Amino acid sequence: MIKKETLKTKISKPNWLRVKLPVGSEYRKVRKTVDKYKLHTICESGNCPNMGECWGAGTATFMILGNVCTRSCTFCAVATGRPPEYDKMEPLRVAKAIKKMGVKHAVITSVNRDELKDRGAEIWYQTVHLTKKLSPQITIETLIPDVKANWEALYKMIEAGQEVVSHNIETVERLYRKVRPQANYERSLEQIKITKDFGKRTKSGIMVGLGEKKEEVFKTMDDMVESGLHILTIGQYLQPTKMHLEVDDFISPEVFEMYKEEGLKRGLKYVESGPLVRSSYHAERHVNVPI
């Protein structure tokens, strides 16, 4: 008798994950600015569900160093491949766009550029420096990639005056090979620790719904606190395309609230936790978190 393979039933997206289509004058204003300055945003490249809300509020997360990543993480919608030569004028274009938008708090991220000796650190530095120069009152969060233990590059990335430095752990240690095959859990924790020791307000994010257990999420929180993390974001993983990892489970809002309470109990200073939470969601709230 041939044993039939058990097929996993695809689960339906629950009502709490429904989002509104992007509309409104502020959304169109941000759209126009992004297009005019030929900029990339993680909002678009990462298929963020909050793009309508954030762009409608006049904010966007700019992505520097192009829109092609040298990593092949199985959860991420950003294109993977060999990036073209980076644009040395990009920092000025980003700074001008941010000034034109008149935002009080800016979030900047980038793809991984593992092929570059400095991991793109000089472009990072110039982007933050010029943004601060053109908009002196602005506060900035930088969501930086894994520098593969190139700590000299890390120092260059974080010394230009940004108020918050974020680096996402993304998932629990057990799932790293499956979710982030070119990254290392312990190395990312060390990057957070070095950033904290540098005197920066530290932030990270994880996704749930990838098959992790609650105890593993708690252990990740403990590891982060030990490494000096101040701010944590927790959101639901959503499959960007059929080529990416499938969602293992949709986590209820009640469990997200429980994770928030557990994170605060364990010593985190601030936890943003909810189904639609992403790294830069409500980022303006994280600038004044005590460290």
Protein backbone atom coordinates (compact mmCIF):
# COMPACT_ATOMS: atom_id res chain seq x y z
CA MET A 1 0.00 0.00 0.00
CA ILE A 2 1.44 3.37 -1.01
CA LYS A 3 1.30 5.96 1.73
CA LYS A 4 0.02 9.27 0.43
CA GLU A 5 1.97 12.37 1.32
CA THR A 6 0.12 14.69 3.67
CA LEU A 7 -0.33 18.04 1.98
CA LYS A 8 -0.26 21.12 4.14
CA THR A 9 -3.49 23.10 3.86
CA LYS A 10 -2.86 26.72 3.01
CA ILE A 11 -4.30 28.92 5.71
CA SER A 12 -6.42 31.95 4.93
CA LYS A 13 -5.39 35.47 5.84
CA PRO A 14 -7.45 36.66 8.85
CA ASN A 15 -9.48 39.87 8.96
CA TRP A 16 -6.98 41.70 11.18
CA LEU A 17 -4.46 41.68 8.31
CA ARG A 18 -6.62 43.64 5.89
CA VAL A 19 -5.12 46.99 4.86
CA LYS A 20 -6.51 49.99 3.01
CA LEU A 21 -5.33 50.89 -0.49
CA PRO A 22 -2.98 53.93 -0.59
CA VAL A 23 -4.88 57.13 -1.39
CA GLY A 24 -4.88 60.84 -0.52
CA SER A 25 -2.93 64.01 -1.25
CA GLU A 26 -0.04 63.27 1.15
CA TYR A 27 0.42 59.82 -0.43
CA ARG A 28 0.58 61.41 -3.87
CA LYS A 29 3.05 64.03 -2.59
CA VAL A 30 5.45 61.37 -1.28
CA ARG A 31 5.00 59.36 -4.50
CA LYS A 32 5.92 62.42 -6.56
CA THR A 33 9.01 63.21 -4.43
CA VAL A 34 10.30 59.63 -4.57
CA ASP A 35 9.88 59.55 -8.36
CA LYS A 36 11.39 63.00 -8.92
CA TYR A 37 14.62 62.20 -7.08
CA LYS A 38 14.79 58.64 -8.49
CA LEU A 39 14.92 57.11 -5.06
CA HIS A 40 14.23 53.61 -3.74
CA THR A 41 12.07 52.89 -0.71
CA ILE A 42 11.84 49.69 1.29
CA CYS A 43 8.12 50.45 1.45
CA GLU A 44 7.84 49.49 -2.23
CA SER A 45 10.70 47.02 -2.60
CA GLY A 46 9.65 45.16 0.54
CA ASN A 47 5.90 45.17 -0.25
CA CYS A 48 5.17 46.77 3.14
CA PRO A 49 1.48 46.56 4.15
CA ASN A 50 1.71 49.95 5.89
CA MET A 51 2.81 51.94 2.85
CA GLY A 52 -0.58 53.64 2.45
CA GLU A 53 -0.72 54.69 6.11
CA CYS A 54 2.88 55.90 6.34
CA TRP A 55 3.00 57.65 2.97
CA GLY A 56 -0.37 59.17 3.77
CA ALA A 57 1.24 60.67 6.88
CA GLY A 58 4.08 62.08 4.77
CA THR A 59 6.79 59.61 5.79
CA ALA A 60 8.76 56.96 3.92
CA THR A 61 11.73 54.69 4.57
CA PHE A 62 14.43 55.42 2.02
CA MET A 63 16.61 52.57 0.76
CA ILE A 64 20.13 53.51 -0.31
CA LEU A 65 22.87 51.70 -2.25
CA GLY A 66 20.46 50.56 -4.95
CA ASN A 67 17.61 48.06 -4.93
CA VAL A 68 19.49 44.82 -5.65
CA CYS A 69 20.74 42.86 -2.63
CA THR A 70 23.68 40.46 -2.47
CA ARG A 71 21.79 38.24 0.00
CA SER A 72 19.05 35.70 -0.79
CA CYS A 73 16.95 35.72 2.38
CA THR A 74 13.89 33.56 1.83
CA PHE A 75 11.43 36.03 3.38
CA CYS A 76 12.41 39.24 1.59
CA ALA A 77 10.85 40.74 -1.55
CA VAL A 78 13.91 42.86 -2.45
CA ALA A 79 15.59 41.67 -5.66
CA THR A 80 18.67 39.45 -5.28
CA GLY A 81 21.68 39.46 -7.59
CA ARG A 82 24.83 41.34 -8.56
CA PRO A 83 24.21 45.02 -7.83
CA PRO A 84 25.32 47.67 -10.32
CA GLU A 85 27.89 50.30 -9.36
CA TYR A 86 26.49 52.51 -6.62
CA ASP A 87 25.65 56.15 -7.25
CA LYS A 88 27.95 58.56 -5.39
CA MET A 89 25.35 61.34 -5.75
CA GLU A 90 22.65 59.32 -4.02
CA PRO A 91 23.32 60.73 -0.50
CA LEU A 92 22.66 64.28 -1.74
CA ARG A 93 19.49 63.25 -3.58
CA VAL A 94 18.16 61.53 -0.46
CA ALA A 95 19.01 64.54 1.71
CA LYS A 96 17.27 66.92 -0.71
CA ALA A 97 14.18 64.70 -0.92
CA ILE A 98 13.89 64.47 2.86
CA LYS A 99 14.20 68.25 3.16
CA LYS A 100 11.55 68.77 0.49
CA MET A 101 9.16 66.41 2.30
CA GLY A 102 9.66 68.41 5.49
CA VAL A 103 9.61 65.34 7.73
CA LYS A 104 10.68 65.63 11.35
CA HIS A 105 11.95 62.04 11.56
CA ALA A 106 13.54 60.08 8.72
CA VAL A 107 14.25 56.37 8.40
CA ILE A 108 17.01 55.16 6.09
CA THR A 109 17.89 51.56 5.25
CA SER A 110 19.87 49.74 2.57
CA VAL A 111 20.34 46.48 0.76
CA ASN A 112 23.33 44.31 1.67
CA ARG A 113 26.41 45.15 -0.40
CA ASP A 114 28.71 42.29 0.59
CA GLU A 115 30.82 42.78 -2.54
CA LEU A 116 32.00 46.19 -1.31
CA LYS A 117 35.06 46.26 0.93
CA ASP A 118 33.44 48.84 3.25
CA ARG A 119 29.94 47.31 2.89
CA GLY A 120 28.77 50.70 1.62
CA ALA A 121 29.76 52.49 4.84
CA GLU A 122 30.94 55.69 3.12
CA ILE A 123 27.60 56.12 1.34
CA TRP A 124 25.85 55.49 4.66
CA TYR A 125 27.93 58.14 6.40
CA GLN A 126 27.44 60.73 3.66
CA THR A 127 23.67 60.15 3.52
CA VAL A 128 23.18 60.75 7.23
CA HIS A 129 25.69 63.63 7.32
CA LEU A 130 24.10 65.49 4.39
CA THR A 131 20.57 64.90 5.64
CA LYS A 132 21.51 66.41 8.99
CA LYS A 133 23.27 69.29 7.23
CA LEU A 134 20.26 70.20 5.05
CA SER A 135 17.69 69.54 7.79
CA PRO A 136 19.42 70.41 11.12
CA GLN A 137 16.33 69.77 13.27
CA ILE A 138 15.63 66.30 11.88
CA THR A 139 16.05 63.05 13.80
CA ILE A 140 17.17 59.92 11.95
CA GLU A 141 16.91 56.17 12.35
CA THR A 142 19.21 54.00 10.27
CA LEU A 143 18.28 50.36 9.68
CA ILE A 144 21.64 48.90 8.78
CA PRO A 145 22.50 45.46 7.33
CA ASP A 146 24.78 42.74 8.67
CA VAL A 147 28.37 43.92 8.10
CA LYS A 148 29.80 40.37 8.45
CA ALA A 149 31.92 41.42 11.43
CA ASN A 150 33.56 44.31 9.58
CA TRP A 151 33.39 46.48 12.68
CA GLU A 152 35.37 49.31 11.08
CA ALA A 153 32.56 49.59 8.50
CA LEU A 154 29.98 49.48 11.30
CA TYR A 155 31.60 52.38 13.15
CA LYS A 156 31.60 54.45 9.93
CA MET A 157 27.90 53.68 9.40
CA ILE A 158 26.82 54.79 12.86
CA GLU A 159 29.04 57.79 13.64
CA ALA A 160 27.34 60.43 11.47
CA GLY A 161 24.86 61.54 14.13
CA GLN A 162 21.73 59.41 13.75
CA GLU A 163 19.67 59.02 16.93
CA VAL A 164 18.57 55.38 16.46
CA VAL A 165 20.52 52.48 14.96
CA SER A 166 18.48 49.43 14.02
CA HIS A 167 19.64 45.99 12.91
CA ASN A 168 17.04 43.26 12.49
CA ILE A 169 17.53 39.80 13.96
CA GLU A 170 14.45 38.76 11.90
CA THR A 171 13.79 35.32 13.45
CA VAL A 172 14.76 32.84 16.16
CA GLU A 173 18.13 31.10 16.07
CA ARG A 174 16.76 27.69 15.00
CA LEU A 175 15.28 29.10 11.81
CA TYR A 176 18.31 31.13 10.70
CA ARG A 177 19.58 28.71 8.06
CA LYS A 178 16.11 28.53 6.56
CA VAL A 179 15.27 32.24 6.75
CA ARG A 180 18.64 34.05 6.62
CA PRO A 181 21.07 31.54 5.03
CA GLN A 182 23.94 34.05 4.64
CA ALA A 183 23.59 35.58 8.11
CA ASN A 184 24.60 34.46 11.58
CA TYR A 185 22.49 34.84 14.74
CA GLU A 186 25.39 35.38 17.15
CA ARG A 187 27.08 37.83 14.78
CA SER A 188 23.94 39.96 14.56
CA LEU A 189 23.69 40.01 18.36
CA GLU A 190 27.34 41.10 18.53
CA GLN A 191 26.61 43.90 16.05
CA ILE A 192 23.84 45.15 18.34
CA LYS A 193 26.16 44.99 21.36
CA ILE A 194 28.92 46.98 19.62
CA THR A 195 26.36 49.58 18.53
CA LYS A 196 25.05 49.90 22.09
CA ASP A 197 28.60 50.19 23.49
CA PHE A 198 29.18 53.00 20.96
CA GLY A 199 26.45 54.91 22.80
CA LYS A 200 23.60 54.54 20.33
CA ARG A 201 19.92 53.84 20.94
CA THR A 202 19.58 50.28 19.61
CA LYS A 203 16.63 48.72 17.85
CA SER A 204 15.82 45.40 16.18
CA GLY A 205 12.89 43.54 14.69
CA ILE A 206 11.64 39.99 14.37
CA MET A 207 8.90 38.29 12.36
CA VAL A 208 6.58 35.63 13.74
CA GLY A 209 4.48 33.07 11.89
CA LEU A 210 7.49 31.25 10.41
CA GLY A 211 7.17 28.17 12.64
CA GLU A 212 8.91 29.52 15.74
CA LYS A 213 7.80 28.47 19.22
CA LYS A 214 6.85 30.97 21.91
CA GLU A 215 9.74 29.80 24.10
CA GLU A 216 12.13 30.55 21.22
CA VAL A 217 10.75 34.08 20.92
CA PHE A 218 11.30 34.57 24.67
CA LYS A 219 14.88 33.26 24.34
CA THR A 220 15.52 35.69 21.46
CA MET A 221 14.26 38.55 23.62
CA ASP A 222 16.60 37.51 26.43
CA ASP A 223 19.55 37.34 24.03
CA MET A 224 18.72 40.80 22.72
CA VAL A 225 18.46 42.32 26.19
CA GLU A 226 21.81 40.77 27.11
CA SER A 227 23.31 42.34 23.96
CA GLY A 228 22.03 45.79 24.95
CA LEU A 229 18.92 46.16 22.83
CA HIS A 230 16.54 48.99 23.76
CA ILE A 231 13.68 48.78 21.21
CA LEU A 232 12.05 45.75 19.59
CA THR A 233 9.45 45.49 16.83
CA ILE A 234 7.46 42.27 16.31
CA GLY A 235 5.26 41.71 13.26
CA GLN A 236 3.51 39.00 11.28
CA TYR A 237 5.46 37.42 8.42
CA LEU A 238 3.59 37.73 5.11
CA GLN A 239 4.68 35.76 2.06
CA PRO A 240 5.63 38.36 -0.59
CA THR A 241 5.52 35.95 -3.58
CA LYS A 242 5.03 32.25 -4.26
CA MET A 243 8.83 31.95 -4.52
CA HIS A 244 9.27 32.86 -0.84
CA LEU A 245 8.66 30.95 2.37
CA GLU A 246 5.04 30.12 3.08
CA VAL A 247 3.38 31.46 6.21
CA ASP A 248 3.35 28.76 8.88
CA ASP A 249 0.74 30.45 11.04
CA PHE A 250 -1.10 33.74 11.47
CA ILE A 251 -0.50 35.01 14.98
CA SER A 252 -3.47 36.56 16.80
CA PRO A 253 -3.44 40.14 18.16
CA GLU A 254 -3.74 38.66 21.68
CA VAL A 255 -0.44 36.79 21.27
CA PHE A 256 1.23 39.94 19.94
CA GLU A 257 0.07 41.78 23.05
CA MET A 258 1.47 38.98 25.20
CA TYR A 259 4.83 39.23 23.40
CA LYS A 260 4.88 42.97 24.12
CA GLU A 261 4.27 42.39 27.83
CA GLU A 262 6.93 39.66 27.97
CA GLY A 263 9.48 41.85 26.20
CA LEU A 264 8.99 44.67 28.68
CA LYS A 265 9.20 42.24 31.60
CA ARG A 266 12.50 40.96 30.26
CA GLY A 267 14.09 44.42 30.21
CA LEU A 268 13.37 45.90 26.78
CA LYS A 269 12.67 49.64 27.00
CA TYR A 270 10.03 49.71 24.26
CA VAL A 271 8.18 47.03 22.27
CA GLU A 272 6.06 47.67 19.18
CA SER A 273 4.12 44.44 18.61
CA GLY A 274 1.22 43.73 16.26
CA PRO A 275 0.25 41.86 13.08
CA LEU A 276 1.07 44.76 10.75
CA VAL A 277 4.09 46.12 12.63
CA ARG A 278 7.24 46.50 10.52
CA SER A 279 10.70 47.83 11.38
CA SER A 280 9.97 51.49 10.73
CA TYR A 281 6.32 51.49 11.81
CA HIS A 282 5.76 54.43 14.20
CA ALA A 283 9.53 54.94 14.19
CA GLU A 284 9.13 58.54 15.37
CA ARG A 285 8.06 57.17 18.75
CA HIS A 286 11.39 55.42 19.27
CA VAL A 287 13.68 58.48 19.18
CA ASN A 288 13.14 59.44 22.81
CA VAL A 289 13.22 55.99 24.37
CA PRO A 290 15.59 56.24 27.36
CA ILE A 291 18.86 54.35 27.11
